């Protein structure tokens, strides 16, 4: 198990910003590609962003490209999601996830939830119009 704890969610006005954190405990995250997904009520889980285990590559869903930034601080064993220019349609529960494969090729980024083996409990982000 790789317990993950997300934080940073809350209520924000449209156009505002928020930073989400995903902290790992019990095992280092530094050897895994990491991702953020989100799920709105009634919708399927949606890929948001991912970062390779070595930080060399990031990948974003088209809906957040240019507004969101994923990063990692291996010294803190934490992955972040900086969100700017938030829109009401960004409202969802945001969860971080750990790739199933240790040190997967950094050129390969999985966008399906099936590629991730460990998940946090999620943090709610609500964007008001």
Foldseek 3Di string as FASTA:
>chain_A
DWEKAKDWADEAAAQAKTKMKIATPPDAQLQWKKFKWWDDPPGDIFGAKIAASPRPDIDGDPVQPPFWDWDDDRVRSMIMIIGGNDDQVVWTWMKMFTFPDGNDPRVDDDGDPVRTDDMYPTHTHGYHD
